[in-house]
Amino acid sequence: MNIYQQLMVETEQIKQGDKMPNRELYRIYGKAQMARQLGALTIEEFMTLNHEIIAEGINNPKYF
């Protein structure tokens, strides 16, 4: 499993959990940023993760 797949799985697990996911989503977003800076993610993979974590996660009113 590559880093992109791993981060997508972690994101989905956190979003489906019972706890408030914001702290964990911020942690995963930091991982995604670091992976992008190190060249482990393409820009397309990073932008997909960015959308899943920020738009569909942290900024989603469902999680407030």
C-alpha atoms as a PDB file:
ATOM      1  CA  MET A   1       0.000   0.000   0.000  1.00  0.00           C
ATOM      2  CA  ASN A   2       1.504   3.349  -0.982  1.00  0.00           C
ATOM      3  CA  ILE A   3       1.334   6.526   1.119  1.00  0.00           C
ATOM      4  CA  TYR A   4      -1.620   7.915  -0.850  1.00  0.00           C
ATOM      5  CA  GLN A   5      -3.719   4.807  -0.259  1.00  0.00           C
ATOM      6  CA  GLN A   6      -2.682   4.687   3.389  1.00  0.00           C
ATOM      7  CA  LEU A   7      -3.710   8.313   3.981  1.00  0.00           C
ATOM      8  CA  MET A   8      -7.034   7.798   2.178  1.00  0.00           C
ATOM      9  CA  VAL A   9      -7.802   4.759   4.353  1.00  0.00           C
ATOM     10  CA  GLU A  10      -6.872   6.659   7.535  1.00  0.00           C
ATOM     11  CA  THR A  11      -9.042   9.610   6.470  1.00  0.00           C
ATOM     12  CA  GLU A  12     -12.082   7.431   5.832  1.00  0.00           C
ATOM     13  CA  GLN A  13     -11.633   5.538   9.110  1.00  0.00           C
ATOM     14  CA  ILE A  14     -11.487   8.779  11.072  1.00  0.00           C
ATOM     15  CA  LYS A  15     -14.482  10.288   9.280  1.00  0.00           C
ATOM     16  CA  GLN A  16     -16.549   7.180  10.039  1.00  0.00           C
ATOM     17  CA  GLY A  17     -15.531   7.029  13.701  1.00  0.00           C
ATOM     18  CA  ASP A  18     -17.664   8.142  16.639  1.00  0.00           C
ATOM     19  CA  LYS A  19     -15.291  10.764  18.015  1.00  0.00           C
ATOM     20  CA  MET A  20     -14.867  14.354  16.890  1.00  0.00           C
ATOM     21  CA  PRO A  21     -12.397  13.819  14.056  1.00  0.00           C
ATOM     22  CA  ASN A  22     -10.948  17.335  13.662  1.00  0.00           C
ATOM     23  CA  ARG A  23      -7.729  16.773  15.606  1.00  0.00           C
ATOM     24  CA  GLU A  24      -6.987  13.534  13.772  1.00  0.00           C
ATOM     25  CA  LEU A  25      -7.880  15.053  10.407  1.00  0.00           C
ATOM     26  CA  TYR A  26      -5.429  17.887  11.050  1.00  0.00           C
ATOM     27  CA  ARG A  27      -2.784  15.273  11.877  1.00  0.00           C
ATOM     28  CA  ILE A  28      -3.448  13.441   8.605  1.00  0.00           C
ATOM     29  CA  TYR A  29      -3.388  16.728   6.700  1.00  0.00           C
ATOM     30  CA  GLY A  30       0.068  17.386   8.157  1.00  0.00           C
ATOM     31  CA  LYS A  31       1.179  13.948   6.979  1.00  0.00           C
ATOM     32  CA  ALA A  32      -0.142  14.701   3.494  1.00  0.00           C
ATOM     33  CA  GLN A  33       1.672  18.044   3.375  1.00  0.00           C
ATOM     34  CA  MET A  34       4.922  16.426   4.458  1.00  0.00           C
ATOM     35  CA  ALA A  35       4.541  13.597   1.932  1.00  0.00           C
ATOM     36  CA  ARG A  36       3.953  16.165  -0.826  1.00  0.00           C
ATOM     37  CA  GLN A  37       7.030  18.173   0.188  1.00  0.00           C
ATOM     38  CA  LEU A  38       9.126  15.000   0.147  1.00  0.00           C
ATOM     39  CA  GLY A  39       7.802  14.035  -3.281  1.00  0.00           C
ATOM     40  CA  ALA A  40       5.927  10.943  -2.089  1.00  0.00           C
ATOM     41  CA  LEU A  41       2.614  12.318  -3.419  1.00  0.00           C
ATOM     42  CA  THR A  42       1.842  13.813  -6.804  1.00  0.00           C
ATOM     43  CA  ILE A  43       0.002  17.128  -6.923  1.00  0.00           C
ATOM     44  CA  GLU A  44      -3.151  15.292  -8.042  1.00  0.00           C
ATOM     45  CA  GLU A  45      -2.973  12.878  -5.110  1.00  0.00           C
ATOM     46  CA  PHE A  46      -2.333  15.735  -2.690  1.00  0.00           C
ATOM     47  CA  MET A  47      -5.258  17.770  -4.016  1.00  0.00           C
ATOM     48  CA  THR A  48      -7.577  14.759  -3.737  1.00  0.00           C
ATOM     49  CA  LEU A  49      -6.463  14.199  -0.151  1.00  0.00           C
ATOM     50  CA  ASN A  50      -6.781  17.927   0.522  1.00  0.00           C
ATOM     51  CA  HIS A  51     -10.408  17.846  -0.646  1.00  0.00           C
ATOM     52  CA  GLU A  52     -11.235  14.728   1.365  1.00  0.00           C
ATOM     53  CA  ILE A  53      -9.593  16.028   4.539  1.00  0.00           C
ATOM     54  CA  ILE A  54     -10.516  19.725   4.426  1.00  0.00           C
ATOM     55  CA  ALA A  55     -13.707  20.122   2.380  1.00  0.00           C
ATOM     56  CA  GLU A  56     -15.281  16.764   3.189  1.00  0.00           C
ATOM     57  CA  GLY A  57     -13.849  16.470   6.694  1.00  0.00           C
ATOM     58  CA  ILE A  58     -12.748  19.471   8.752  1.00  0.00           C
ATOM     59  CA  ASN A  59     -15.096  21.989   7.078  1.00  0.00           C
ATOM     60  CA  ASN A  60     -18.032  19.578   6.828  1.00  0.00           C
ATOM     61  CA  PRO A  61     -20.838  20.726   9.195  1.00  0.00           C
ATOM     62  CA  LYS A  62     -21.739  17.070   9.770  1.00  0.00           C
ATOM     63  CA  TYR A  63     -18.717  16.816  12.093  1.00  0.00           C
ATOM     64  CA  PHE A  64     -19.490  19.885  14.256  1.00  0.00           C
END
